[in-house]
Amino acid sequence: MRFLTASVLLLSAGLSISDKTTILRLPSPQTTKSYVKLQAATPAMTALTACLRAKTAFTGNGSSHFLSYAVGSMDNAFLFAYNGNGVIYSLVFNAIKDTSVSKVHDGAWHHWCFSWNSRGGKWTVYKDGMPAAAGTGFQTDKTIPTNGVWIVGQDQDTVGGGFDATQAYVGDITSINVWNTDNIDVAAVANCGDNFGGNVISWYDVSKEIHEVSTYREDLCKLK
């Protein structure tokens, strides 16, 4: 494992189901200096599924952000996070969707997904491949804008920046995949060998600009 103190561009591609994957470890104490920018060309989206694997025991006094997407006209185009009580929430087009899904910071690996569709505002939170909370009427007829910036581990108050240390994620995170549809077999994605990726962000293929975050590699099937 190595600690990167400068921006490094990593390329991962063509991994098979038996290969190890890159895991990010965002450090404690919280800092605005630790984050990863994902270089993804993003279309306008009227539906979305964002998935990731995370392991953390960090509580903090505020929110901890797995993933954020910001564009020039909207810093909270999409957020995936949990609050100080370990409860999952998300933002779409500047509106928050609180959920009852908790125990994020139990120190164990979990696979999390948030899906949304502007048609009817259907949303679902998945934990370890299974629906854990769902509803309708959330941000109907909205479109998440194109050509934004994806950041792992921080909430963007400006595009690509404006971080607040008290909102930084602390812990391990990997397998970040995003699709521009909610028609995804999440149970299959949550399987330990999820070597297929999203059509917006594919973890194995996306270029990662890493800032003061350590990395290691592990077989997904061995994560506990």
Protein backbone atom coordinates (compact mmCIF):
# COMPACT_ATOMS: atom_id res chain seq x y z
CA MET A 1 0.00 0.00 0.00
CA ARG A 2 1.31 3.46 -0.80
CA PHE A 3 0.33 6.97 0.21
CA LEU A 4 -0.07 9.48 -2.60
CA THR A 5 0.66 13.08 -1.71
CA ALA A 6 0.16 14.43 -5.22
CA SER A 7 -2.42 13.95 -7.93
CA VAL A 8 -1.89 10.69 -9.75
CA LEU A 9 -3.81 9.46 -12.76
CA LEU A 10 -4.58 5.74 -12.51
CA LEU A 11 -5.99 3.69 -15.36
CA SER A 12 -7.67 0.34 -14.76
CA ALA A 13 -9.16 -1.74 -17.52
CA GLY A 14 -9.99 -5.25 -18.62
CA LEU A 15 -10.12 -6.97 -15.25
CA SER A 16 -11.67 -10.39 -14.99
CA ILE A 17 -13.93 -11.66 -12.25
CA SER A 18 -10.96 -13.18 -10.40
CA ASP A 19 -8.80 -10.05 -10.44
CA LYS A 20 -8.31 -7.73 -7.51
CA THR A 21 -9.82 -4.29 -7.50
CA THR A 22 -8.47 -0.92 -6.36
CA ILE A 23 -9.72 0.16 -2.95
CA LEU A 24 -9.41 3.73 -1.67
CA ARG A 25 -8.66 4.45 1.98
CA LEU A 26 -9.59 8.00 3.00
CA PRO A 27 -7.74 8.99 6.17
CA SER A 28 -8.61 10.22 9.62
CA PRO A 29 -8.70 12.99 10.79
CA GLN A 30 -11.08 14.51 8.27
CA THR A 31 -9.47 16.86 5.79
CA THR A 32 -10.37 18.71 2.61
CA LYS A 33 -7.14 17.51 1.03
CA SER A 34 -8.18 13.87 0.63
CA TYR A 35 -10.46 13.08 -2.30
CA VAL A 36 -10.58 11.37 -5.68
CA LYS A 37 -11.84 12.94 -8.90
CA LEU A 38 -13.35 10.49 -11.37
CA GLN A 39 -12.84 11.47 -15.00
CA ALA A 40 -16.22 10.52 -16.44
CA ALA A 41 -18.12 12.01 -19.38
CA THR A 42 -21.62 12.36 -17.98
CA PRO A 43 -24.79 12.77 -20.04
CA ALA A 44 -27.92 14.56 -18.88
CA MET A 45 -29.77 12.02 -16.73
CA THR A 46 -33.46 11.57 -16.04
CA ALA A 47 -32.70 8.34 -14.19
CA LEU A 48 -29.70 7.10 -12.23
CA THR A 49 -28.32 4.21 -10.25
CA ALA A 50 -25.19 4.82 -8.17
CA CYS A 51 -23.53 1.87 -6.39
CA LEU A 52 -20.45 1.46 -4.22
CA ARG A 53 -18.84 -0.67 -1.54
CA ALA A 54 -17.81 0.99 1.70
CA LYS A 55 -16.36 0.05 5.08
CA THR A 56 -16.24 2.65 7.83
CA ALA A 57 -16.58 2.98 11.57
CA PHE A 58 -16.55 6.77 11.43
CA THR A 59 -19.42 8.69 13.00
CA GLY A 60 -18.35 12.34 13.13
CA ASN A 61 -20.56 15.28 14.00
CA GLY A 62 -22.11 15.80 10.59
CA SER A 63 -22.56 14.16 7.21
CA SER A 64 -19.98 11.97 5.50
CA HIS A 65 -20.04 11.95 1.72
CA PHE A 66 -19.35 8.90 -0.41
CA LEU A 67 -19.86 10.55 -3.79
CA SER A 68 -20.86 13.95 -5.17
CA TYR A 69 -21.66 15.27 -8.64
CA ALA A 70 -21.67 19.02 -9.34
CA VAL A 71 -22.15 21.19 -12.40
CA GLY A 72 -21.71 24.91 -12.88
CA SER A 73 -25.36 25.66 -12.27
CA MET A 74 -25.85 23.21 -9.39
CA ASP A 75 -23.41 22.00 -6.74
CA ASN A 76 -25.83 19.37 -5.40
CA ALA A 77 -26.84 17.77 -8.68
CA PHE A 78 -26.30 14.40 -6.96
CA LEU A 79 -24.99 13.37 -3.54
CA PHE A 80 -24.74 10.00 -1.83
CA ALA A 81 -23.94 10.24 1.87
CA TYR A 82 -24.80 9.29 5.46
CA ASN A 83 -25.43 11.42 8.52
CA GLY A 84 -23.87 11.33 11.98
CA ASN A 85 -26.29 8.59 13.03
CA GLY A 86 -25.16 6.36 10.17
CA VAL A 87 -28.35 6.85 8.13
CA ILE A 88 -28.17 6.93 4.33
CA TYR A 89 -29.47 9.95 2.43
CA SER A 90 -29.14 11.32 -1.08
CA LEU A 91 -29.67 14.55 -2.98
CA VAL A 92 -30.96 14.84 -6.54
CA PHE A 93 -31.21 18.22 -8.22
CA ASN A 94 -30.70 20.06 -4.90
CA ALA A 95 -33.45 18.18 -3.03
CA ILE A 96 -32.68 15.77 -0.18
CA LYS A 97 -34.16 12.31 0.27
CA ASP A 98 -33.74 11.14 3.85
CA THR A 99 -34.14 7.42 4.45
CA SER A 100 -34.39 5.05 7.39
CA VAL A 101 -31.50 2.90 6.16
CA SER A 102 -28.80 2.86 8.83
CA LYS A 103 -25.80 1.04 10.26
CA VAL A 104 -23.49 2.43 7.58
CA HIS A 105 -20.66 2.91 10.11
CA ASP A 106 -20.66 -0.58 11.67
CA GLY A 107 -17.08 -1.25 10.55
CA ALA A 108 -18.07 -3.95 8.05
CA TRP A 109 -18.09 -3.96 4.26
CA HIS A 110 -21.48 -3.20 2.69
CA HIS A 111 -22.66 -2.68 -0.85
CA TRP A 112 -24.89 0.40 -1.23
CA CYS A 113 -26.95 1.66 -4.16
CA PHE A 114 -29.31 4.56 -4.70
CA SER A 115 -31.57 4.55 -7.75
CA TRP A 116 -33.95 7.24 -9.00
CA ASN A 117 -36.18 7.88 -11.99
CA SER A 118 -37.73 11.26 -12.78
CA ARG A 119 -40.80 9.51 -14.19
CA GLY A 120 -42.93 9.23 -11.09
CA GLY A 121 -39.97 10.10 -8.87
CA LYS A 122 -39.36 6.47 -7.96
CA TRP A 123 -36.35 5.96 -5.67
CA THR A 124 -34.79 2.98 -3.90
CA VAL A 125 -31.90 2.42 -1.50
CA TYR A 126 -30.29 -1.00 -1.68
CA LYS A 127 -28.14 -2.60 1.02
CA ASP A 128 -26.05 -5.61 0.06
CA GLY A 129 -28.11 -6.18 -3.06
CA MET A 130 -31.55 -5.99 -1.47
CA PRO A 131 -34.05 -3.10 -1.36
CA ALA A 132 -33.91 -1.43 2.05
CA ALA A 133 -36.13 1.63 1.49
CA ALA A 134 -38.16 2.97 -1.43
CA GLY A 135 -40.73 5.55 -2.42
CA THR A 136 -42.15 7.68 -5.20
CA GLY A 137 -42.76 11.37 -5.94
CA PHE A 138 -39.15 12.46 -5.46
CA GLN A 139 -37.92 15.05 -7.95
CA THR A 140 -40.34 14.13 -10.73
CA ASP A 141 -39.68 15.53 -14.20
CA LYS A 142 -36.16 16.69 -13.26
CA THR A 143 -32.99 16.23 -15.27
CA ILE A 144 -29.53 15.97 -13.73
CA PRO A 145 -27.34 18.23 -15.92
CA THR A 146 -24.54 17.03 -18.15
CA ASN A 147 -20.76 17.61 -18.06
CA GLY A 148 -20.31 17.81 -14.31
CA VAL A 149 -17.53 16.71 -11.93
CA TRP A 150 -17.58 13.53 -9.82
CA ILE A 151 -15.75 13.57 -6.48
CA VAL A 152 -15.28 10.66 -4.07
CA GLY A 153 -15.11 11.50 -0.37
CA GLN A 154 -16.23 15.14 -0.35
CA ASP A 155 -19.26 17.38 -0.83
CA GLN A 156 -18.70 19.98 -3.54
CA ASP A 157 -19.91 23.50 -2.77
CA THR A 158 -18.27 24.65 -5.98
CA VAL A 159 -17.53 22.50 -9.01
CA GLY A 160 -14.51 20.37 -8.11
CA GLY A 161 -13.97 22.11 -4.77
CA GLY A 162 -15.47 24.09 -1.92
CA PHE A 163 -14.94 21.17 0.44
CA ASP A 164 -15.74 21.21 4.16
CA ALA A 165 -13.52 18.97 6.30
CA THR A 166 -16.41 18.10 8.64
CA GLN A 167 -18.24 16.53 5.67
CA ALA A 168 -15.34 14.37 4.45
CA TYR A 169 -15.67 10.60 4.27
CA VAL A 170 -13.30 8.51 6.40
CA GLY A 171 -12.87 4.85 5.60
CA ASP A 172 -12.48 2.44 2.68
CA ILE A 173 -14.47 2.67 -0.53
CA THR A 174 -14.43 0.87 -3.88
CA SER A 175 -16.60 -0.46 -6.72
CA ILE A 176 -18.16 2.91 -7.56
CA ASN A 177 -20.40 2.41 -10.59
CA VAL A 178 -23.04 4.76 -12.02
CA TRP A 179 -25.66 4.10 -14.70
CA ASN A 180 -28.07 6.54 -16.35
CA THR A 181 -30.98 4.17 -15.71
CA ASP A 182 -32.73 2.63 -12.72
CA ASN A 183 -33.24 -0.66 -14.58
CA ILE A 184 -30.27 -2.43 -13.00
CA ASP A 185 -29.99 -5.91 -11.48
CA VAL A 186 -28.58 -4.64 -8.19
CA ALA A 187 -28.41 -8.12 -6.66
CA ALA A 188 -26.03 -9.15 -9.44
CA VAL A 189 -23.98 -5.97 -9.09
CA ALA A 190 -23.63 -6.60 -5.34
CA ASN A 191 -22.19 -10.05 -5.96
CA CYS A 192 -18.50 -10.20 -5.03
CA GLY A 193 -17.41 -10.51 -8.63
CA ASP A 194 -19.11 -7.39 -10.00
CA ASN A 195 -16.64 -7.00 -12.84
CA PHE A 196 -19.24 -5.29 -15.04
CA GLY A 197 -19.43 -1.54 -14.56
CA GLY A 198 -21.74 1.38 -15.07
CA ASN A 199 -22.20 3.09 -18.41
CA VAL A 200 -21.51 6.51 -16.82
CA ILE A 201 -18.84 5.44 -14.33
CA SER A 202 -17.23 2.01 -14.52
CA TRP A 203 -14.87 1.49 -11.58
CA TYR A 204 -12.49 -0.77 -13.47
CA ASP A 205 -12.20 1.62 -16.41
CA VAL A 206 -12.60 5.13 -15.03
CA SER A 207 -9.52 7.32 -14.67
CA LYS A 208 -8.94 8.30 -11.04
CA GLU A 209 -7.21 11.53 -10.04
CA ILE A 210 -6.11 10.75 -6.49
CA HIS A 211 -5.33 13.39 -3.88
CA GLU A 212 -3.78 12.31 -0.56
CA VAL A 213 -5.61 9.00 -0.46
CA SER A 214 -3.92 5.63 0.00
CA THR A 215 -4.85 2.65 -2.14
CA TYR A 216 -4.60 -1.11 -1.94
CA ARG A 217 -5.86 -4.02 -3.98
CA GLU A 218 -8.03 -6.90 -2.85
CA ASP A 219 -10.28 -9.64 -4.18
CA LEU A 220 -13.86 -8.43 -3.75
CA CYS A 221 -14.93 -11.91 -2.62
CA LYS A 222 -12.63 -11.60 0.41
CA LEU A 223 -13.92 -8.27 1.67
CA LYS A 224 -15.51 -8.55 5.12
